[in-house]
Amino acid sequence: MKLALVFSLTISSILAYAQSKQDSLEITRIALDYLESQHKPSPGQMDQALHPRMVKRTFWKDKATQKDYLSEFFAENMVILAEKYNIKGDKFPLSPRKEVKLLDVSDRTASVKLTADEWIDYMHLAKLNGKWKIVNVLWQYNDSSRHQ
């Protein structure tokens, strides 16, 4: 009986690790799709990475009042951005920085830090219907004084 229990727990641990490793690979791929869709304009690549209700936020400082405020973009805005942002190919270096750090991964949720050349994105992802999707992004320039 004890042997069966140990065997069962061992198999469960192996399967959980295998799923976690696959999830980690998929989460990393989604974060890279989000960024790489901007490097080489690919709205379809961006669209498949985002949940339709994704919200992307950052802070800005109003020049007139000097007050900080939050600005929001939605999935639709990001798909359009992916189509237009780097159309001339001059927004990123030839070998752009693409650093993905998995901050926390659970069976259906994940937090990721994506560091690019000019900015940092903190992302929340959810696994819905078997697919990882970005649902929230909070970003800032590496040099936060650029948020004017």
N, C-alpha and C. Protein backbone atom coordinates (compact mmCIF):
# COMPACT_ATOMS: atom_id res chain seq x y z
N MET A 1 0.82 -1.20 0.00
CA MET A 1 0.00 0.00 0.00
C MET A 1 0.86 1.26 0.00
N LYS A 2 1.89 1.27 0.89
CA LYS A 2 2.77 2.43 0.95
C LYS A 2 3.50 2.62 -0.37
N LEU A 3 3.91 1.52 -0.98
CA LEU A 3 4.63 1.60 -2.25
C LEU A 3 3.73 2.19 -3.34
N ALA A 4 2.47 1.79 -3.35
CA ALA A 4 1.52 2.34 -4.34
C ALA A 4 1.32 3.83 -4.12
N LEU A 5 1.23 4.25 -2.87
CA LEU A 5 1.06 5.67 -2.56
C LEU A 5 2.29 6.47 -2.99
N VAL A 6 3.48 5.97 -2.68
CA VAL A 6 4.72 6.66 -3.07
C VAL A 6 4.81 6.73 -4.59
N PHE A 7 4.49 5.64 -5.28
CA PHE A 7 4.52 5.61 -6.75
C PHE A 7 3.54 6.63 -7.32
N SER A 8 2.33 6.66 -6.75
CA SER A 8 1.32 7.59 -7.22
C SER A 8 1.76 9.04 -7.02
N LEU A 9 2.32 9.36 -5.87
CA LEU A 9 2.80 10.72 -5.60
C LEU A 9 3.97 11.08 -6.51
N THR A 10 4.85 10.13 -6.78
CA THR A 10 5.98 10.37 -7.67
C THR A 10 5.50 10.68 -9.08
N ILE A 11 4.57 9.89 -9.59
CA ILE A 11 4.02 10.11 -10.93
C ILE A 11 3.30 11.45 -10.99
N SER A 12 2.54 11.77 -9.95
CA SER A 12 1.83 13.05 -9.91
C SER A 12 2.83 14.21 -9.93
N SER A 13 3.91 14.09 -9.19
CA SER A 13 4.94 15.15 -9.17
C SER A 13 5.58 15.30 -10.54
N ILE A 14 5.87 14.21 -11.20
CA ILE A 14 6.48 14.25 -12.54
C ILE A 14 5.52 14.90 -13.53
N LEU A 15 4.25 14.53 -13.49
CA LEU A 15 3.27 15.10 -14.40
C LEU A 15 3.08 16.59 -14.13
N ALA A 16 3.04 16.97 -12.87
CA ALA A 16 2.88 18.39 -12.53
C ALA A 16 4.08 19.18 -13.03
N TYR A 17 5.29 18.64 -12.89
CA TYR A 17 6.48 19.33 -13.38
C TYR A 17 6.43 19.45 -14.90
N ALA A 18 6.03 18.38 -15.58
CA ALA A 18 5.98 18.41 -17.04
C ALA A 18 4.99 19.48 -17.51
N GLN A 19 3.83 19.55 -16.89
CA GLN A 19 2.86 20.56 -17.28
C GLN A 19 3.40 21.95 -16.97
N SER A 20 4.03 22.11 -15.83
CA SER A 20 4.58 23.40 -15.46
C SER A 20 5.66 23.83 -16.44
N LYS A 21 6.50 22.93 -16.88
CA LYS A 21 7.54 23.24 -17.86
C LYS A 21 6.90 23.66 -19.18
N GLN A 22 5.89 22.93 -19.63
CA GLN A 22 5.19 23.28 -20.87
C GLN A 22 4.49 24.63 -20.74
N ASP A 23 3.85 24.84 -19.60
CA ASP A 23 3.21 26.13 -19.37
C ASP A 23 4.25 27.26 -19.41
N SER A 24 5.39 27.04 -18.78
CA SER A 24 6.45 28.06 -18.79
C SER A 24 6.90 28.38 -20.20
N LEU A 25 7.04 27.36 -21.03
CA LEU A 25 7.42 27.58 -22.43
C LEU A 25 6.35 28.37 -23.18
N GLU A 26 5.08 28.01 -22.95
CA GLU A 26 3.98 28.69 -23.63
C GLU A 26 3.85 30.15 -23.16
N ILE A 27 4.01 30.39 -21.88
CA ILE A 27 3.92 31.74 -21.34
C ILE A 27 5.04 32.61 -21.92
N THR A 28 6.24 32.06 -21.95
CA THR A 28 7.37 32.78 -22.54
C THR A 28 7.10 33.11 -24.00
N ARG A 29 6.56 32.14 -24.74
CA ARG A 29 6.27 32.35 -26.16
C ARG A 29 5.23 33.46 -26.35
N ILE A 30 4.21 33.48 -25.51
CA ILE A 30 3.17 34.52 -25.61
C ILE A 30 3.77 35.90 -25.34
N ALA A 31 4.62 36.01 -24.30
CA ALA A 31 5.26 37.30 -24.00
C ALA A 31 6.14 37.74 -25.17
N LEU A 32 6.86 36.80 -25.78
CA LEU A 32 7.69 37.15 -26.94
C LEU A 32 6.84 37.50 -28.15
N ASP A 33 5.73 36.81 -28.34
CA ASP A 33 4.83 37.16 -29.45
C ASP A 33 4.36 38.61 -29.33
N TYR A 34 4.03 39.00 -28.11
CA TYR A 34 3.60 40.36 -27.83
C TYR A 34 4.66 41.37 -28.27
N LEU A 35 5.91 41.11 -27.91
CA LEU A 35 6.99 42.04 -28.25
C LEU A 35 7.40 41.92 -29.71
N GLU A 36 7.61 40.70 -30.19
CA GLU A 36 8.09 40.51 -31.55
C GLU A 36 7.09 40.96 -32.61
N SER A 37 5.81 40.98 -32.26
CA SER A 37 4.80 41.47 -33.21
C SER A 37 4.98 42.97 -33.46
N GLN A 38 5.69 43.64 -32.59
CA GLN A 38 5.99 45.05 -32.77
C GLN A 38 7.31 45.24 -33.52
N HIS A 39 8.24 44.30 -33.37
CA HIS A 39 9.52 44.38 -34.09
C HIS A 39 9.31 44.30 -35.60
N LYS A 40 8.62 43.27 -36.02
CA LYS A 40 8.29 43.07 -37.43
C LYS A 40 6.77 43.11 -37.49
N PRO A 41 6.20 44.19 -37.95
CA PRO A 41 4.75 44.37 -37.84
C PRO A 41 3.95 43.10 -38.17
N SER A 42 3.26 42.61 -37.13
CA SER A 42 2.47 41.39 -37.27
C SER A 42 1.25 41.47 -36.36
N PRO A 43 0.19 42.12 -36.84
CA PRO A 43 -1.00 42.26 -35.99
C PRO A 43 -1.62 40.92 -35.60
N GLY A 44 -1.53 39.92 -36.46
CA GLY A 44 -2.08 38.60 -36.13
C GLY A 44 -1.34 37.96 -34.97
N GLN A 45 -0.03 38.15 -34.94
CA GLN A 45 0.78 37.62 -33.84
C GLN A 45 0.40 38.29 -32.53
N MET A 46 0.20 39.60 -32.56
CA MET A 46 -0.23 40.32 -31.36
C MET A 46 -1.61 39.85 -30.94
N ASP A 47 -2.53 39.75 -31.88
CA ASP A 47 -3.90 39.37 -31.59
C ASP A 47 -3.98 38.01 -30.90
N GLN A 48 -3.18 37.05 -31.36
CA GLN A 48 -3.26 35.72 -30.77
C GLN A 48 -2.67 35.67 -29.36
N ALA A 49 -1.84 36.67 -29.00
CA ALA A 49 -1.24 36.70 -27.66
C ALA A 49 -2.16 37.32 -26.62
N LEU A 50 -3.12 38.12 -27.05
CA LEU A 50 -3.95 38.91 -26.13
C LEU A 50 -5.34 38.33 -25.95
N HIS A 51 -5.84 38.44 -24.74
CA HIS A 51 -7.26 38.20 -24.50
C HIS A 51 -8.00 39.43 -25.05
N PRO A 52 -9.18 39.25 -25.63
CA PRO A 52 -9.91 40.40 -26.19
C PRO A 52 -10.19 41.52 -25.19
N ARG A 53 -10.19 41.21 -23.91
CA ARG A 53 -10.46 42.24 -22.89
C ARG A 53 -9.18 42.72 -22.20
N MET A 54 -8.03 42.47 -22.81
CA MET A 54 -6.75 42.91 -22.25
C MET A 54 -6.74 44.43 -22.10
N VAL A 55 -6.14 44.88 -20.98
CA VAL A 55 -5.94 46.30 -20.75
C VAL A 55 -4.45 46.52 -20.47
N LYS A 56 -3.88 47.53 -21.14
CA LYS A 56 -2.49 47.92 -20.94
C LYS A 56 -2.49 49.33 -20.36
N ARG A 57 -1.76 49.51 -19.26
CA ARG A 57 -1.75 50.80 -18.58
C ARG A 57 -0.33 51.30 -18.38
N THR A 58 -0.22 52.62 -18.32
CA THR A 58 1.01 53.27 -17.89
C THR A 58 0.66 54.60 -17.26
N PHE A 59 1.64 55.25 -16.71
CA PHE A 59 1.43 56.55 -16.08
C PHE A 59 2.06 57.63 -16.94
N TRP A 60 1.49 58.79 -16.91
CA TRP A 60 2.01 59.98 -17.57
C TRP A 60 1.90 61.13 -16.62
N LYS A 61 2.61 62.19 -16.90
CA LYS A 61 2.50 63.42 -16.12
C LYS A 61 1.91 64.49 -17.04
N ASP A 62 0.81 65.07 -16.61
CA ASP A 62 0.20 66.16 -17.36
C ASP A 62 1.13 67.37 -17.28
N LYS A 63 1.51 67.89 -18.44
CA LYS A 63 2.47 69.00 -18.46
C LYS A 63 1.90 70.27 -17.83
N ALA A 64 0.63 70.51 -18.03
CA ALA A 64 0.03 71.75 -17.51
C ALA A 64 -0.13 71.72 -15.99
N THR A 65 -0.63 70.60 -15.47
CA THR A 65 -0.92 70.52 -14.04
C THR A 65 0.18 69.84 -13.23
N GLN A 66 1.09 69.14 -13.91
CA GLN A 66 2.15 68.35 -13.27
C GLN A 66 1.59 67.23 -12.40
N LYS A 67 0.36 66.80 -12.69
CA LYS A 67 -0.24 65.67 -11.97
C LYS A 67 -0.07 64.39 -12.77
N ASP A 68 0.18 63.30 -12.05
CA ASP A 68 0.28 61.98 -12.68
C ASP A 68 -1.12 61.44 -12.95
N TYR A 69 -1.22 60.67 -14.02
CA TYR A 69 -2.48 59.99 -14.33
C TYR A 69 -2.18 58.69 -15.06
N LEU A 70 -3.16 57.80 -15.08
CA LEU A 70 -3.03 56.54 -15.79
C LEU A 70 -3.65 56.64 -17.17
N SER A 71 -3.00 56.02 -18.12
CA SER A 71 -3.51 55.95 -19.49
C SER A 71 -3.75 54.48 -19.81
N GLU A 72 -4.80 54.20 -20.58
CA GLU A 72 -5.15 52.81 -20.91
C GLU A 72 -5.19 52.58 -22.41
N PHE A 73 -4.70 51.42 -22.80
CA PHE A 73 -4.86 50.89 -24.15
C PHE A 73 -5.57 49.56 -24.01
N PHE A 74 -6.24 49.15 -25.07
CA PHE A 74 -6.98 47.89 -25.06
C PHE A 74 -6.44 46.98 -26.15
N ALA A 75 -6.90 45.75 -26.18
CA ALA A 75 -6.40 44.77 -27.15
C ALA A 75 -6.48 45.32 -28.57
N GLU A 76 -7.58 45.92 -28.92
CA GLU A 76 -7.74 46.47 -30.27
C GLU A 76 -6.66 47.49 -30.60
N ASN A 77 -6.34 48.37 -29.63
CA ASN A 77 -5.28 49.37 -29.83
C ASN A 77 -3.93 48.70 -30.05
N MET A 78 -3.68 47.62 -29.32
CA MET A 78 -2.38 46.94 -29.42
C MET A 78 -2.23 46.22 -30.77
N VAL A 79 -3.32 45.68 -31.29
CA VAL A 79 -3.27 45.03 -32.60
C VAL A 79 -2.97 46.08 -33.68
N ILE A 80 -3.59 47.23 -33.57
CA ILE A 80 -3.32 48.34 -34.52
C ILE A 80 -1.87 48.81 -34.36
N LEU A 81 -1.42 48.92 -33.11
CA LEU A 81 -0.03 49.32 -32.87
C LEU A 81 0.95 48.34 -33.52
N ALA A 82 0.69 47.05 -33.38
CA ALA A 82 1.56 46.04 -33.97
C ALA A 82 1.62 46.17 -35.48
N GLU A 83 0.54 46.61 -36.06
CA GLU A 83 0.48 46.78 -37.52
C GLU A 83 1.26 48.00 -37.99
N LYS A 84 1.28 49.06 -37.18
CA LYS A 84 1.81 50.35 -37.64
C LYS A 84 3.11 50.80 -36.99
N TYR A 85 3.35 50.43 -35.74
CA TYR A 85 4.40 51.04 -34.93
C TYR A 85 5.79 51.02 -35.58
N ASN A 86 6.20 49.88 -36.08
CA ASN A 86 7.55 49.76 -36.64
C ASN A 86 7.52 49.52 -38.14
N ILE A 87 6.57 50.11 -38.82
CA ILE A 87 6.39 49.90 -40.26
C ILE A 87 7.64 50.28 -41.06
N LYS A 88 8.40 51.28 -40.59
CA LYS A 88 9.63 51.69 -41.29
C LYS A 88 10.85 50.91 -40.81
N GLY A 89 10.68 50.09 -39.78
CA GLY A 89 11.79 49.29 -39.27
C GLY A 89 12.84 50.08 -38.51
N ASP A 90 12.45 51.23 -37.95
CA ASP A 90 13.44 52.09 -37.29
C ASP A 90 13.20 52.27 -35.78
N LYS A 91 12.30 51.49 -35.20
CA LYS A 91 11.95 51.67 -33.78
C LYS A 91 12.78 50.81 -32.83
N PHE A 92 13.47 49.80 -33.36
CA PHE A 92 14.23 48.87 -32.53
C PHE A 92 15.63 48.68 -33.11
N PRO A 93 16.60 48.33 -32.26
CA PRO A 93 17.93 48.02 -32.78
C PRO A 93 17.89 46.71 -33.59
N LEU A 94 18.96 46.44 -34.34
CA LEU A 94 19.02 45.22 -35.16
C LEU A 94 18.87 43.95 -34.32
N SER A 95 19.43 43.95 -33.14
CA SER A 95 19.30 42.82 -32.20
C SER A 95 18.61 43.33 -30.94
N PRO A 96 17.30 43.43 -30.97
CA PRO A 96 16.57 44.02 -29.83
C PRO A 96 16.63 43.14 -28.58
N ARG A 97 16.58 43.81 -27.45
CA ARG A 97 16.55 43.13 -26.16
C ARG A 97 15.18 42.49 -25.97
N LYS A 98 15.18 41.22 -25.55
CA LYS A 98 13.93 40.48 -25.33
C LYS A 98 14.15 39.56 -24.12
N GLU A 99 13.98 40.11 -22.95
CA GLU A 99 14.22 39.35 -21.72
C GLU A 99 12.89 39.06 -21.03
N VAL A 100 12.57 37.78 -20.90
CA VAL A 100 11.33 37.36 -20.25
C VAL A 100 11.68 36.68 -18.93
N LYS A 101 11.11 37.20 -17.85
CA LYS A 101 11.31 36.60 -16.53
C LYS A 101 9.95 36.19 -15.99
N LEU A 102 9.79 34.91 -15.69
CA LEU A 102 8.55 34.42 -15.10
C LEU A 102 8.60 34.70 -13.60
N LEU A 103 7.78 35.59 -13.14
CA LEU A 103 7.77 35.97 -11.73
C LEU A 103 7.01 34.98 -10.87
N ASP A 104 5.90 34.47 -11.41
CA ASP A 104 5.09 33.49 -10.69
C ASP A 104 4.21 32.77 -11.69
N VAL A 105 4.14 31.46 -11.57
CA VAL A 105 3.30 30.66 -12.47
C VAL A 105 2.49 29.69 -11.63
N SER A 106 1.18 29.77 -11.77
CA SER A 106 0.27 28.81 -11.16
C SER A 106 -0.36 28.01 -12.29
N ASP A 107 -1.30 27.15 -11.97
CA ASP A 107 -1.86 26.30 -13.03
C ASP A 107 -2.68 27.09 -14.05
N ARG A 108 -3.25 28.24 -13.65
CA ARG A 108 -4.09 29.01 -14.59
C ARG A 108 -3.75 30.49 -14.65
N THR A 109 -2.80 30.94 -13.84
CA THR A 109 -2.41 32.35 -13.85
C THR A 109 -0.89 32.47 -13.81
N ALA A 110 -0.39 33.59 -14.35
CA ALA A 110 1.05 33.82 -14.35
C ALA A 110 1.33 35.32 -14.33
N SER A 111 2.46 35.68 -13.73
CA SER A 111 2.98 37.05 -13.75
C SER A 111 4.35 37.02 -14.41
N VAL A 112 4.56 37.97 -15.33
CA VAL A 112 5.77 37.99 -16.15
C VAL A 112 6.33 39.40 -16.18
N LYS A 113 7.65 39.49 -16.20
CA LYS A 113 8.33 40.76 -16.45
C LYS A 113 9.03 40.64 -17.81
N LEU A 114 8.68 41.52 -18.73
CA LEU A 114 9.28 41.55 -20.05
C LEU A 114 10.11 42.83 -20.14
N THR A 115 11.41 42.68 -20.36
CA THR A 115 12.29 43.84 -20.48
C THR A 115 12.72 43.97 -21.93
N ALA A 116 12.43 45.13 -22.51
CA ALA A 116 12.82 45.45 -23.88
C ALA A 116 13.88 46.56 -23.81
N ASP A 117 14.30 47.04 -24.97
CA ASP A 117 15.34 48.06 -25.00
C ASP A 117 14.95 49.33 -24.27
N GLU A 118 13.74 49.79 -24.49
CA GLU A 118 13.32 51.09 -23.97
C GLU A 118 12.34 51.01 -22.79
N TRP A 119 11.76 49.85 -22.55
CA TRP A 119 10.72 49.79 -21.53
C TRP A 119 10.65 48.44 -20.85
N ILE A 120 9.82 48.41 -19.81
CA ILE A 120 9.53 47.19 -19.04
C ILE A 120 8.02 47.00 -19.05
N ASP A 121 7.59 45.78 -19.30
CA ASP A 121 6.17 45.41 -19.21
C ASP A 121 6.01 44.39 -18.09
N TYR A 122 5.08 44.63 -17.18
CA TYR A 122 4.66 43.63 -16.21
C TYR A 122 3.33 43.09 -16.71
N MET A 123 3.26 41.78 -16.89
CA MET A 123 2.08 41.17 -17.50
C MET A 123 1.43 40.16 -16.56
N HIS A 124 0.12 40.09 -16.66
CA HIS A 124 -0.64 39.00 -16.06
C HIS A 124 -1.24 38.19 -17.19
N LEU A 125 -1.11 36.89 -17.09
CA LEU A 125 -1.68 35.99 -18.09
C LEU A 125 -2.64 35.04 -17.40
N ALA A 126 -3.62 34.58 -18.16
CA ALA A 126 -4.58 33.59 -17.68
C ALA A 126 -4.66 32.47 -18.71
N LYS A 127 -4.81 31.25 -18.22
CA LYS A 127 -4.99 30.10 -19.10
C LYS A 127 -6.48 29.83 -19.22
N LEU A 128 -7.01 30.14 -20.39
CA LEU A 128 -8.44 30.02 -20.65
C LEU A 128 -8.65 29.06 -21.82
N ASN A 129 -9.49 28.07 -21.62
CA ASN A 129 -9.76 27.07 -22.66
C ASN A 129 -8.47 26.46 -23.20
N GLY A 130 -7.52 26.24 -22.28
CA GLY A 130 -6.27 25.57 -22.62
C GLY A 130 -5.21 26.45 -23.25
N LYS A 131 -5.47 27.78 -23.38
CA LYS A 131 -4.50 28.67 -24.02
C LYS A 131 -4.17 29.84 -23.10
N TRP A 132 -2.89 30.17 -23.03
CA TRP A 132 -2.43 31.32 -22.26
C TRP A 132 -2.69 32.59 -23.05
N LYS A 133 -3.23 33.60 -22.36
CA LYS A 133 -3.51 34.90 -22.97
C LYS A 133 -3.10 36.01 -22.01
N ILE A 134 -2.58 37.09 -22.55
CA ILE A 134 -2.26 38.26 -21.74
C ILE A 134 -3.56 38.99 -21.43
N VAL A 135 -3.79 39.27 -20.14
CA VAL A 135 -5.02 39.96 -19.74
C VAL A 135 -4.75 41.35 -19.17
N ASN A 136 -3.55 41.58 -18.62
CA ASN A 136 -3.18 42.88 -18.07
C ASN A 136 -1.72 43.17 -18.39
N VAL A 137 -1.43 44.43 -18.67
CA VAL A 137 -0.05 44.88 -18.84
C VAL A 137 0.09 46.24 -18.14
N LEU A 138 1.12 46.37 -17.32
CA LEU A 138 1.50 47.65 -16.73
C LEU A 138 2.93 47.90 -17.18
N TRP A 139 3.16 49.04 -17.84
CA TRP A 139 4.49 49.27 -18.40
C TRP A 139 5.02 50.63 -18.02
N GLN A 140 6.35 50.75 -18.17
CA GLN A 140 6.99 52.05 -18.02
C GLN A 140 8.28 52.04 -18.83
N TYR A 141 8.70 53.24 -19.24
CA TYR A 141 10.01 53.38 -19.86
C TYR A 141 11.07 53.06 -18.81
N ASN A 142 12.22 52.56 -19.26
CA ASN A 142 13.34 52.34 -18.34
C ASN A 142 13.70 53.66 -17.65
N ASP A 143 13.65 54.74 -18.40
CA ASP A 143 13.87 56.07 -17.85
C ASP A 143 12.49 56.70 -17.63
N SER A 144 12.01 56.63 -16.41
CA SER A 144 10.63 57.07 -16.15
C SER A 144 10.42 58.57 -16.37
N SER A 145 11.47 59.33 -16.49
CA SER A 145 11.30 60.76 -16.78
C SER A 145 10.73 60.98 -18.19
N ARG A 146 10.74 59.94 -19.01
CA ARG A 146 10.16 60.04 -20.37
C ARG A 146 8.64 60.06 -20.33
N HIS A 147 8.04 59.79 -19.20
CA HIS A 147 6.58 59.75 -19.08
C HIS A 147 6.02 61.15 -18.89
N GLN A 148 6.32 62.03 -19.79
CA GLN A 148 5.85 63.42 -19.72
C GLN A 148 4.76 63.64 -20.73
